[in-house]
């Protein structure tokens, strides 16, 4: 899969998957509003985050 790692919101951040996040970054992700929607295994498996602006890609949209 060829996915651009740049954040579609801020353009400067790099999108990271759950396993790429550091412990402190994972704690921030757990506190983001989307965490209340449902969660965890699916979110950790498919979503990606920009650690600059905390944009969350749900794995559904195409990042260009």
PDB file of N, CA and C in Angstrom:
ATOM      1  N   UNK A   1       0.856  -1.182   0.000  1.00  0.00           N
ATOM      2  CA  UNK A   1       0.000   0.000   0.000  1.00  0.00           C
ATOM      3  C   UNK A   1       0.891   1.232   0.000  1.00  0.00           C
ATOM      4  N   UNK A   2       0.633   2.129  -0.913  1.00  0.00           N
ATOM      5  CA  UNK A   2       1.428   3.345  -1.026  1.00  0.00           C
ATOM      6  C   UNK A   2       0.610   4.511  -0.485  1.00  0.00           C
ATOM      7  N   UNK A   3       0.879   4.904   0.755  1.00  0.00           N
ATOM      8  CA  UNK A   3       0.145   5.991   1.396  1.00  0.00           C
ATOM      9  C   UNK A   3       1.122   7.112   1.704  1.00  0.00           C
ATOM     10  N   UNK A   4       0.733   8.317   1.352  1.00  0.00           N
ATOM     11  CA  UNK A   4       1.535   9.490   1.672  1.00  0.00           C
ATOM     12  C   UNK A   4       1.497   9.688   3.180  1.00  0.00           C
ATOM     13  N   UNK A   5       2.635   9.879   3.794  1.00  0.00           N
ATOM     14  CA  UNK A   5       2.710  10.020   5.244  1.00  0.00           C
ATOM     15  C   UNK A   5       2.426  11.432   5.737  1.00  0.00           C
ATOM     16  N   UNK A   6       2.243  12.378   4.826  1.00  0.00           N
ATOM     17  CA  UNK A   6       1.988  13.757   5.256  1.00  0.00           C
ATOM     18  C   UNK A   6       0.547  13.933   5.695  1.00  0.00           C
ATOM     19  N   UNK A   7       0.353  14.759   6.697  1.00  0.00           N
ATOM     20  CA  UNK A   7      -0.979  15.021   7.234  1.00  0.00           C
ATOM     21  C   UNK A   7      -1.805  15.833   6.234  1.00  0.00           C
ATOM     22  N   UNK A   8      -3.043  15.385   5.949  1.00  0.00           N
ATOM     23  CA  UNK A   8      -3.876  16.142   5.024  1.00  0.00           C
ATOM     24  C   UNK A   8      -4.407  17.449   5.614  1.00  0.00           C
ATOM     25  N   UNK A   9      -4.382  17.592   6.935  1.00  0.00           N
ATOM     26  CA  UNK A   9      -4.865  18.817   7.569  1.00  0.00           C
ATOM     27  C   UNK A   9      -3.774  19.883   7.623  1.00  0.00           C
ATOM     28  N   UNK A  10      -2.647  19.576   8.246  1.00  0.00           N
ATOM     29  CA  UNK A  10      -1.614  20.603   8.430  1.00  0.00           C
ATOM     30  C   UNK A  10      -0.518  20.546   7.373  1.00  0.00           C
ATOM     31  N   UNK A  11      -0.367  19.413   6.700  1.00  0.00           N
ATOM     32  CA  UNK A  11       0.623  19.275   5.641  1.00  0.00           C
ATOM     33  C   UNK A  11       2.052  19.154   6.118  1.00  0.00           C
ATOM     34  N   UNK A  12       2.304  19.413   7.385  1.00  0.00           N
ATOM     35  CA  UNK A  12       3.670  19.388   7.894  1.00  0.00           C
ATOM     36  C   UNK A  12       3.936  18.177   8.774  1.00  0.00           C
ATOM     37  N   UNK A  13       2.877  17.650   9.357  1.00  0.00           N
ATOM     38  CA  UNK A  13       3.042  16.511  10.251  1.00  0.00           C
ATOM     39  C   UNK A  13       3.106  15.205   9.489  1.00  0.00           C
ATOM     40  N   UNK A  14       3.615  14.198  10.146  1.00  0.00           N
ATOM     41  CA  UNK A  14       3.710  12.862   9.565  1.00  0.00           C
ATOM     42  C   UNK A  14       2.668  11.977  10.226  1.00  0.00           C
ATOM     43  N   UNK A  15       1.898  11.276   9.426  1.00  0.00           N
ATOM     44  CA  UNK A  15       0.893  10.373   9.951  1.00  0.00           C
ATOM     45  C   UNK A  15       1.576   9.121  10.492  1.00  0.00           C
ATOM     46  N   UNK A  16       1.172   8.723  11.703  1.00  0.00           N
ATOM     47  CA  UNK A  16       1.763   7.552  12.346  1.00  0.00           C
ATOM     48  C   UNK A  16       0.674   6.564  12.729  1.00  0.00           C
ATOM     49  N   UNK A  17       0.982   5.294  12.591  1.00  0.00           N
ATOM     50  CA  UNK A  17       0.068   4.257  13.049  1.00  0.00           C
ATOM     51  C   UNK A  17       0.293   4.051  14.553  1.00  0.00           C
ATOM     52  N   UNK A  18      -0.600   3.288  15.179  1.00  0.00           N
ATOM     53  CA  UNK A  18      -0.543   3.068  16.626  1.00  0.00           C
ATOM     54  C   UNK A  18       0.828   2.550  17.069  1.00  0.00           C
ATOM     55  N   UNK A  19       1.358   1.580  16.358  1.00  0.00           N
ATOM     56  CA  UNK A  19       2.631   0.983  16.779  1.00  0.00           C
ATOM     57  C   UNK A  19       3.824   1.933  16.611  1.00  0.00           C
ATOM     58  N   UNK A  20       3.660   2.994  15.834  1.00  0.00           N
ATOM     59  CA  UNK A  20       4.734   3.978  15.661  1.00  0.00           C
ATOM     60  C   UNK A  20       4.713   5.069  16.735  1.00  0.00           C
ATOM     61  N   UNK A  21       3.597   5.196  17.439  1.00  0.00           N
ATOM     62  CA  UNK A  21       3.470   6.234  18.461  1.00  0.00           C
ATOM     63  C   UNK A  21       4.281   5.880  19.703  1.00  0.00           C
ATOM     64  N   UNK A  22       4.838   6.893  20.335  1.00  0.00           N
ATOM     65  CA  UNK A  22       5.517   6.695  21.612  1.00  0.00           C
ATOM     66  C   UNK A  22       4.465   6.622  22.711  1.00  0.00           C
ATOM     67  N   UNK A  23       4.855   6.171  23.883  1.00  0.00           N
ATOM     68  CA  UNK A  23       3.912   6.004  24.995  1.00  0.00           C
ATOM     69  C   UNK A  23       3.137   7.280  25.311  1.00  0.00           C
ATOM     70  N   UNK A  24       3.829   8.423  25.334  1.00  0.00           N
ATOM     71  CA  UNK A  24       3.167   9.693  25.648  1.00  0.00           C
ATOM     72  C   UNK A  24       2.162  10.068  24.562  1.00  0.00           C
ATOM     73  N   UNK A  25       2.507   9.796  23.320  1.00  0.00           N
ATOM     74  CA  UNK A  25       1.611  10.092  22.206  1.00  0.00           C
ATOM     75  C   UNK A  25       0.365   9.205  22.260  1.00  0.00           C
ATOM     76  N   UNK A  26       0.532   7.961  22.654  1.00  0.00           N
ATOM     77  CA  UNK A  26      -0.622   7.063  22.804  1.00  0.00           C
ATOM     78  C   UNK A  26      -1.572   7.549  23.880  1.00  0.00           C
ATOM     79  N   UNK A  27      -1.030   8.111  24.943  1.00  0.00           N
ATOM     80  CA  UNK A  27      -1.878   8.656  26.010  1.00  0.00           C
ATOM     81  C   UNK A  27      -2.695   9.839  25.499  1.00  0.00           C
ATOM     82  N   UNK A  28      -2.096  10.682  24.662  1.00  0.00           N
ATOM     83  CA  UNK A  28      -2.828  11.802  24.063  1.00  0.00           C
ATOM     84  C   UNK A  28      -3.944  11.266  23.169  1.00  0.00           C
ATOM     85  N   UNK A  29      -3.629  10.278  22.334  1.00  0.00           N
ATOM     86  CA  UNK A  29      -4.620   9.695  21.425  1.00  0.00           C
ATOM     87  C   UNK A  29      -5.803   9.142  22.201  1.00  0.00           C
ATOM     88  N   UNK A  30      -5.540   8.505  23.324  1.00  0.00           N
ATOM     89  CA  UNK A  30      -6.617   7.930  24.139  1.00  0.00           C
ATOM     90  C   UNK A  30      -7.569   9.000  24.659  1.00  0.00           C
ATOM     91  N   UNK A  31      -7.095  10.239  24.747  1.00  0.00           N
ATOM     92  CA  UNK A  31      -7.911  11.336  25.270  1.00  0.00           C
ATOM     93  C   UNK A  31      -8.596  12.160  24.179  1.00  0.00           C
ATOM     94  N   UNK A  32      -8.321  11.868  22.930  1.00  0.00           N
ATOM     95  CA  UNK A  32      -8.961  12.590  21.837  1.00  0.00           C
ATOM     96  C   UNK A  32     -10.447  12.240  21.787  1.00  0.00           C
ATOM     97  N   UNK A  33     -11.290  13.165  21.323  1.00  0.00           N
ATOM     98  CA  UNK A  33     -12.744  12.942  21.296  1.00  0.00           C
ATOM     99  C   UNK A  33     -13.179  11.659  20.597  1.00  0.00           C
ATOM    100  N   UNK A  34     -12.506  11.238  19.565  1.00  0.00           N
ATOM    101  CA  UNK A  34     -12.905  10.027  18.845  1.00  0.00           C
ATOM    102  C   UNK A  34     -12.821   8.784  19.725  1.00  0.00           C
ATOM    103  N   UNK A  35     -12.073   8.856  20.807  1.00  0.00           N
ATOM    104  CA  UNK A  35     -11.916   7.699  21.691  1.00  0.00           C
ATOM    105  C   UNK A  35     -13.233   7.299  22.333  1.00  0.00           C
ATOM    106  N   UNK A  36     -14.138   8.215  22.477  1.00  0.00           N
ATOM    107  CA  UNK A  36     -15.415   7.923  23.118  1.00  0.00           C
ATOM    108  C   UNK A  36     -16.395   7.229  22.169  1.00  0.00           C
ATOM    109  N   UNK A  37     -16.100   7.219  20.884  1.00  0.00           N
ATOM    110  CA  UNK A  37     -17.021   6.679  19.885  1.00  0.00           C
ATOM    111  C   UNK A  37     -17.114   5.168  19.871  1.00  0.00           C
ATOM    112  N   UNK A  38     -16.176   4.515  20.341  1.00  0.00           N
ATOM    113  CA  UNK A  38     -16.178   3.085  20.208  1.00  0.00           C
ATOM    114  C   UNK A  38     -14.740   2.733  20.161  1.00  0.00           C
ATOM    115  N   UNK A  39     -14.221   1.568  19.720  1.00  0.00           N
ATOM    116  CA  UNK A  39     -12.806   1.731  19.820  1.00  0.00           C
ATOM    117  C   UNK A  39     -11.914   0.619  19.600  1.00  0.00           C
ATOM    118  N   UNK A  40     -11.239   0.432  20.387  1.00  0.00           N
ATOM    119  CA  UNK A  40      -9.834   0.348  20.613  1.00  0.00           C
ATOM    120  C   UNK A  40      -9.115  -0.549  19.634  1.00  0.00           C
ATOM    121  N   UNK A  41      -9.453  -1.812  19.534  1.00  0.00           N
ATOM    122  CA  UNK A  41      -8.693  -2.676  18.612  1.00  0.00           C
ATOM    123  C   UNK A  41      -8.815  -2.189  17.179  1.00  0.00           C
ATOM    124  N   UNK A  42     -10.023  -1.846  16.754  1.00  0.00           N
ATOM    125  CA  UNK A  42     -10.229  -1.352  15.392  1.00  0.00           C
ATOM    126  C   UNK A  42      -9.513  -0.022  15.185  1.00  0.00           C
ATOM    127  N   UNK A  43      -9.618   0.840  16.149  1.00  0.00           N
ATOM    128  CA  UNK A  43      -8.970   2.151  16.069  1.00  0.00           C
ATOM    129  C   UNK A  43      -7.455   2.002  15.999  1.00  0.00           C
ATOM    130  N   UNK A  44      -6.918   1.147  16.829  1.00  0.00           N
ATOM    131  CA  UNK A  44      -5.471   0.939  16.838  1.00  0.00           C
ATOM    132  C   UNK A  44      -4.990   0.278  15.554  1.00  0.00           C
ATOM    133  N   UNK A  45      -5.796  -0.568  14.977  1.00  0.00           N
ATOM    134  CA  UNK A  45      -5.392  -1.298  13.779  1.00  0.00           C
ATOM    135  C   UNK A  45      -5.467  -0.444  12.516  1.00  0.00           C
ATOM    136  N   UNK A  46      -6.500   0.384  12.379  1.00  0.00           N
ATOM    137  CA  UNK A  46      -6.731   1.074  11.104  1.00  0.00           C
ATOM    138  C   UNK A  46      -6.427   2.563  11.100  1.00  0.00           C
ATOM    139  N   UNK A  47      -6.528   3.222  12.230  1.00  0.00           N
ATOM    140  CA  UNK A  47      -6.382   4.678  12.254  1.00  0.00           C
ATOM    141  C   UNK A  47      -4.919   5.081  12.282  1.00  0.00           C
ATOM    142  N   UNK A  48      -4.689   6.343  11.843  1.00  0.00           N
ATOM    143  CA  UNK A  48      -3.357   6.951  11.877  1.00  0.00           C
ATOM    144  C   UNK A  48      -3.504   8.364  12.407  1.00  0.00           C
ATOM    145  N   UNK A  49      -2.471   8.885  13.049  1.00  0.00           N
ATOM    146  CA  UNK A  49      -2.536  10.189  13.696  1.00  0.00           C
ATOM    147  C   UNK A  49      -1.359  11.062  13.298  1.00  0.00           C
ATOM    148  N   UNK A  50      -1.647  12.373  13.220  1.00  0.00           N
ATOM    149  CA  UNK A  50      -0.596  13.370  13.025  1.00  0.00           C
ATOM    150  C   UNK A  50      -0.253  13.898  14.413  1.00  0.00           C
ATOM    151  N   UNK A  51       0.981  13.759  14.823  1.00  0.00           N
ATOM    152  CA  UNK A  51       1.339  14.207  16.168  1.00  0.00           C
ATOM    153  C   UNK A  51       1.627  15.707  16.234  1.00  0.00           C
ATOM    154  N   UNK A  52       1.510  16.381  15.112  1.00  0.00           N
ATOM    155  CA  UNK A  52       1.672  17.841  15.107  1.00  0.00           C
ATOM    156  C   UNK A  52       0.342  18.530  15.409  1.00  0.00           C
ATOM    157  N   UNK A  53      -0.739  18.101  14.720  1.00  0.00           N
ATOM    158  CA  UNK A  53      -2.040  18.756  14.910  1.00  0.00           C
ATOM    159  C   UNK A  53      -3.102  17.793  15.465  1.00  0.00           C
ATOM    160  N   UNK A  54      -2.737  16.528  15.660  1.00  0.00           N
ATOM    161  CA  UNK A  54      -3.604  15.474  16.203  1.00  0.00           C
ATOM    162  C   UNK A  54      -4.796  15.138  15.314  1.00  0.00           C
ATOM    163  N   UNK A  55      -4.635  15.349  14.008  1.00  0.00           N
ATOM    164  CA  UNK A  55      -5.638  14.882  13.051  1.00  0.00           C
ATOM    165  C   UNK A  55      -5.653  13.354  13.098  1.00  0.00           C
ATOM    166  N   UNK A  56      -6.844  12.777  13.019  1.00  0.00           N
ATOM    167  CA  UNK A  56      -6.978  11.322  13.037  1.00  0.00           C
ATOM    168  C   UNK A  56      -7.581  10.845  11.722  1.00  0.00           C
ATOM    169  N   UNK A  57      -6.829  10.031  11.017  1.00  0.00           N
ATOM    170  CA  UNK A  57      -7.307   9.408   9.796  1.00  0.00           C
ATOM    171  C   UNK A  57      -7.924   8.073  10.185  1.00  0.00           C
ATOM    172  N   UNK A  58      -9.151   7.850   9.762  1.00  0.00           N
ATOM    173  CA  UNK A  58      -9.850   6.632  10.164  1.00  0.00           C
ATOM    174  C   UNK A  58      -9.593   5.465   9.246  1.00  0.00           C
ATOM    175  N   UNK A  59      -8.683   5.618   8.313  1.00  0.00           N
ATOM    176  CA  UNK A  59      -8.358   4.530   7.411  1.00  0.00           C
ATOM    177  C   UNK A  59      -9.369   4.380   6.278  1.00  0.00           C
ATOM    178  N   UNK A  60     -10.364   5.242   6.226  1.00  0.00           N
ATOM    179  CA  UNK A  60     -11.388   5.172   5.194  1.00  0.00           C
ATOM    180  C   UNK A  60     -11.108   6.129   4.062  1.00  0.00           C
ATOM    181  N   UNK A  61     -10.572   7.292   4.397  1.00  0.00           N
ATOM    182  CA  UNK A  61     -10.343   8.284   3.373  1.00  0.00           C
ATOM    183  C   UNK A  61      -9.010   8.044   2.690  1.00  0.00           C
ATOM    184  N   UNK A  62      -8.898   8.521   1.486  1.00  0.00           N
ATOM    185  CA  UNK A  62      -7.654   8.423   0.741  1.00  0.00           C
ATOM    186  C   UNK A  62      -6.829   9.657   1.044  1.00  0.00           C
ATOM    187  N   UNK A  63      -5.625   9.453   1.489  1.00  0.00           N
ATOM    188  CA  UNK A  63      -4.735  10.554   1.813  1.00  0.00           C
ATOM    189  C   UNK A  63      -3.874  10.818   0.594  1.00  0.00           C
ATOM    190  N   UNK A  64      -3.892  12.076   0.120  1.00  0.00           N
ATOM    191  CA  UNK A  64      -3.095  12.394  -1.065  1.00  0.00           C
ATOM    192  C   UNK A  64      -2.059  13.445  -0.741  1.00  0.00           C
TER     193      UNK A  64
END
